[in-house]
C-alpha atoms as a PDB file:
ATOM      1  CA  MET A   1      -1.994 -19.861  -4.464  1.00  0.00           C
ATOM      2  CA  LEU A   2      -3.162 -16.153  -4.668  1.00  0.00           C
ATOM      3  CA  THR A   3      -5.951 -16.630  -2.373  1.00  0.00           C
ATOM      4  CA  ALA A   4      -3.580 -18.215   0.218  1.00  0.00           C
ATOM      5  CA  GLN A   5      -1.811 -14.439  -0.515  1.00  0.00           C
ATOM      6  CA  ALA A   6      -4.577 -12.744  -0.395  1.00  0.00           C
ATOM      7  CA  GLU A   7      -5.207 -13.519   3.271  1.00  0.00           C
ATOM      8  CA  ARG A   8      -2.087 -13.720   3.939  1.00  0.00           C
ATOM      9  CA  LEU A   9      -2.443 -10.059   3.320  1.00  0.00           C
ATOM     10  CA  ASP A  10      -6.177 -10.090   5.539  1.00  0.00           C
ATOM     11  CA  ARG A  11      -3.789 -11.621   9.009  1.00  0.00           C
ATOM     12  CA  LEU A  12      -1.532  -9.158   8.388  1.00  0.00           C
ATOM     13  CA  PHE A  13      -3.528  -5.678   8.605  1.00  0.00           C
ATOM     14  CA  LEU A  14      -5.640  -8.223  11.390  1.00  0.00           C
ATOM     15  CA  SER A  15      -1.822  -8.460  13.260  1.00  0.00           C
ATOM     16  CA  ARG A  16      -1.377  -4.922  13.375  1.00  0.00           C
ATOM     17  CA  ARG A  17       2.119  -5.574  13.067  1.00  0.00           C
ATOM     18  CA  GLN A  18       4.977  -3.268  11.277  1.00  0.00           C
ATOM     19  CA  ARG A  19       7.726  -4.011   9.212  1.00  0.00           C
ATOM     20  CA  THR A  20      10.757  -1.572   8.141  1.00  0.00           C
ATOM     21  CA  TYR A  21      10.086  -0.513   4.881  1.00  0.00           C
ATOM     22  CA  VAL A  22      13.264  -2.391   3.138  1.00  0.00           C
ATOM     23  CA  ALA A  23      11.522  -5.438   4.140  1.00  0.00           C
ATOM     24  CA  TRP A  24       7.832  -4.454   3.467  1.00  0.00           C
ATOM     25  CA  ARG A  25       9.547  -4.030   0.076  1.00  0.00           C
ATOM     26  CA  GLU A  26      11.195  -7.382   0.065  1.00  0.00           C
ATOM     27  CA  ARG A  27       7.676  -9.208   0.969  1.00  0.00           C
ATOM     28  CA  TYR A  28       5.026  -7.155  -0.393  1.00  0.00           C
ATOM     29  CA  LEU A  29       5.418  -4.554  -2.871  1.00  0.00           C
ATOM     30  CA  ASP A  30       8.380  -6.543  -4.681  1.00  0.00           C
ATOM     31  CA  HIS A  31       7.395  -9.701  -4.079  1.00  0.00           C
ATOM     32  CA  PRO A  32       6.513 -11.496  -7.698  1.00  0.00           C
ATOM     33  CA  LEU A  33       3.452 -12.870  -6.880  1.00  0.00           C
ATOM     34  CA  VAL A  34       2.113 -11.057  -3.275  1.00  0.00           C
ATOM     35  CA  GLY A  35       3.192  -7.625  -5.121  1.00  0.00           C
ATOM     36  CA  THR A  36       0.381  -8.051  -7.436  1.00  0.00           C
ATOM     37  CA  LEU A  37      -2.162  -7.738  -4.658  1.00  0.00           C
ATOM     38  CA  ALA A  38      -0.266  -4.853  -2.689  1.00  0.00           C
ATOM     39  CA  ARG A  39       0.251  -2.990  -5.433  1.00  0.00           C
ATOM     40  CA  ARG A  40      -3.662  -2.346  -5.302  1.00  0.00           C
ATOM     41  CA  LEU A  41      -3.951  -1.526  -1.374  1.00  0.00           C
ATOM     42  CA  LEU A  42      -3.084   1.773  -0.045  1.00  0.00           C
ATOM     43  CA  TRP A  43      -0.462   1.321   3.394  1.00  0.00           C
ATOM     44  CA  THR A  44       1.015   3.776   5.982  1.00  0.00           C
ATOM     45  CA  VAL A  45       4.247   4.156   5.076  1.00  0.00           C
ATOM     46  CA  ASP A  46       6.009   6.369   7.964  1.00  0.00           C
ATOM     47  CA  GLY A  47       2.875   7.221   9.168  1.00  0.00           C
ATOM     48  CA  THR A  48       1.593   8.755   6.101  1.00  0.00           C
ATOM     49  CA  ALA A  49      -0.571   6.451   4.291  1.00  0.00           C
ATOM     50  CA  CYS A  50       0.064   5.716   0.379  1.00  0.00           C
ATOM     51  CA  GLY A  51      -0.075   3.419  -2.398  1.00  0.00           C
ATOM     52  CA  CYS A  52       1.158   2.392  -5.449  1.00  0.00           C
ATOM     53  CA  ALA A  53       0.181   5.029  -8.744  1.00  0.00           C
ATOM     54  CA  ASP A  54       2.137   5.661 -12.222  1.00  0.00           C
ATOM     55  CA  GLY A  55       5.066   3.295 -11.408  1.00  0.00           C
ATOM     56  CA  ALA A  56       5.659   4.982  -7.454  1.00  0.00           C
ATOM     57  CA  LEU A  57       4.815   4.635  -4.372  1.00  0.00           C
ATOM     58  CA  ARG A  58       2.677   7.872  -4.005  1.00  0.00           C
ATOM     59  CA  THR A  59       0.974   9.825  -1.023  1.00  0.00           C
ATOM     60  CA  LEU A  60      -2.894  11.477  -1.392  1.00  0.00           C
ATOM     61  CA  ASP A  61      -1.555  14.218  -3.483  1.00  0.00           C
ATOM     62  CA  SER A  62       0.111  12.153  -5.852  1.00  0.00           C
ATOM     63  CA  THR A  63       3.668  13.298  -4.295  1.00  0.00           C
ATOM     64  CA  GLU A  64       5.971  10.804  -4.315  1.00  0.00           C
ATOM     65  CA  ALA A  65       6.865   8.760  -1.115  1.00  0.00           C
ATOM     66  CA  ARG A  66      10.746   8.329  -0.352  1.00  0.00           C
ATOM     67  CA  PRO A  67      10.668   6.968   3.558  1.00  0.00           C
ATOM     68  CA  GLU A  68      13.749   6.027   4.811  1.00  0.00           C
ATOM     69  CA  PRO A  69      14.888   2.250   4.729  1.00  0.00           C
ATOM     70  CA  GLY A  70      13.430   1.914   8.863  1.00  0.00           C
ATOM     71  CA  ALA A  71      10.084   3.615   8.243  1.00  0.00           C
ATOM     72  CA  PRO A  72       7.747   1.561   9.185  1.00  0.00           C
ATOM     73  CA  ALA A  73       5.139   0.233   7.394  1.00  0.00           C
ATOM     74  CA  GLU A  74       2.320  -1.492   8.003  1.00  0.00           C
ATOM     75  CA  PRO A  75      -1.363  -1.457   5.741  1.00  0.00           C
ATOM     76  CA  TRP A  76      -3.897   1.275   5.847  1.00  0.00           C
ATOM     77  CA  HIS A  77      -7.544   0.551   6.417  1.00  0.00           C
ATOM     78  CA  PRO A  78     -10.406   2.756   6.900  1.00  0.00           C
ATOM     79  CA  ILE A  79     -11.798   2.430  10.244  1.00  0.00           C
ATOM     80  CA  GLY A  80     -10.127   4.451  12.563  1.00  0.00           C
ATOM     81  CA  GLN A  81      -9.057   7.374   9.561  1.00  0.00           C
ATOM     82  CA  ASP A  82     -10.256  10.736   9.325  1.00  0.00           C
ATOM     83  CA  PRO A  83     -13.475  10.464   7.046  1.00  0.00           C
ATOM     84  CA  ALA A  84     -12.249  13.387   4.910  1.00  0.00           C
ATOM     85  CA  GLU A  85      -8.883  10.947   4.153  1.00  0.00           C
ATOM     86  CA  VAL A  86     -10.839   8.086   3.639  1.00  0.00           C
ATOM     87  CA  LEU A  87     -13.583  10.500   1.409  1.00  0.00           C
ATOM     88  CA  ALA A  88     -10.667  11.580  -0.334  1.00  0.00           C
ATOM     89  CA  TRP A  89      -8.770   8.753  -1.262  1.00  0.00           C
ATOM     90  CA  ARG A  90     -12.526   7.244  -2.565  1.00  0.00           C
ATOM     91  CA  THR A  91     -12.973   9.999  -5.105  1.00  0.00           C
ATOM     92  CA  SER A  92      -8.716  10.589  -5.867  1.00  0.00           C
ATOM     93  CA  SER A  93      -8.284  12.012  -9.186  1.00  0.00           C
ATOM     94  CA  THR A  94      -5.359   8.686  -9.241  1.00  0.00           C
ATOM     95  CA  PRO A  95      -8.001   5.811  -9.958  1.00  0.00           C
ATOM     96  CA  TRP A  96      -7.946   4.100  -6.724  1.00  0.00           C
ATOM     97  CA  PRO A  97      -7.015   1.116  -6.273  1.00  0.00           C
ATOM     98  CA  PRO A  98      -5.131   1.249  -9.923  1.00  0.00           C
ATOM     99  CA  PRO A  99      -6.427  -0.701 -12.552  1.00  0.00           C
ATOM    100  CA  ALA A 100      -5.725  -4.508 -12.449  1.00  0.00           C
ATOM    101  CA  ASP A 101      -3.494  -4.296 -15.028  1.00  0.00           C
ATOM    102  CA  GLY A 102      -2.634  -1.048 -13.328  1.00  0.00           C
ATOM    103  CA  GLY A 103       1.820  -1.840 -13.269  1.00  0.00           C
ATOM    104  CA  THR A 104       4.111  -4.555 -12.575  1.00  0.00           C
ATOM    105  CA  SER A 105       6.411  -2.005 -10.267  1.00  0.00           C
ATOM    106  CA  CYS A 106       6.073   0.749  -7.812  1.00  0.00           C
ATOM    107  CA  ALA A 107       9.410   2.638  -7.696  1.00  0.00           C
END
């Protein structure tokens, strides 16, 4: 089942489909199964790259992201991003992706 959900997330990136922040949280981040994978990915939420760290949705500089409910959310991918941003995510002081046991929520 987890393999099928991983493939679902791959297809989500390929489709380039955006969801509202509220729908994205419900269907991906807070989902009991999909959330296990989704919390290990980077996402573009309201135009800003972020991911789950320390129990919250955070930007590259560890600022907690607080998007509006209708803000767009979609998977982030290094292709098409500024190389400096990609390098910054890869060398961030916050371990990225987080450890596999890195928490079960992203407030």
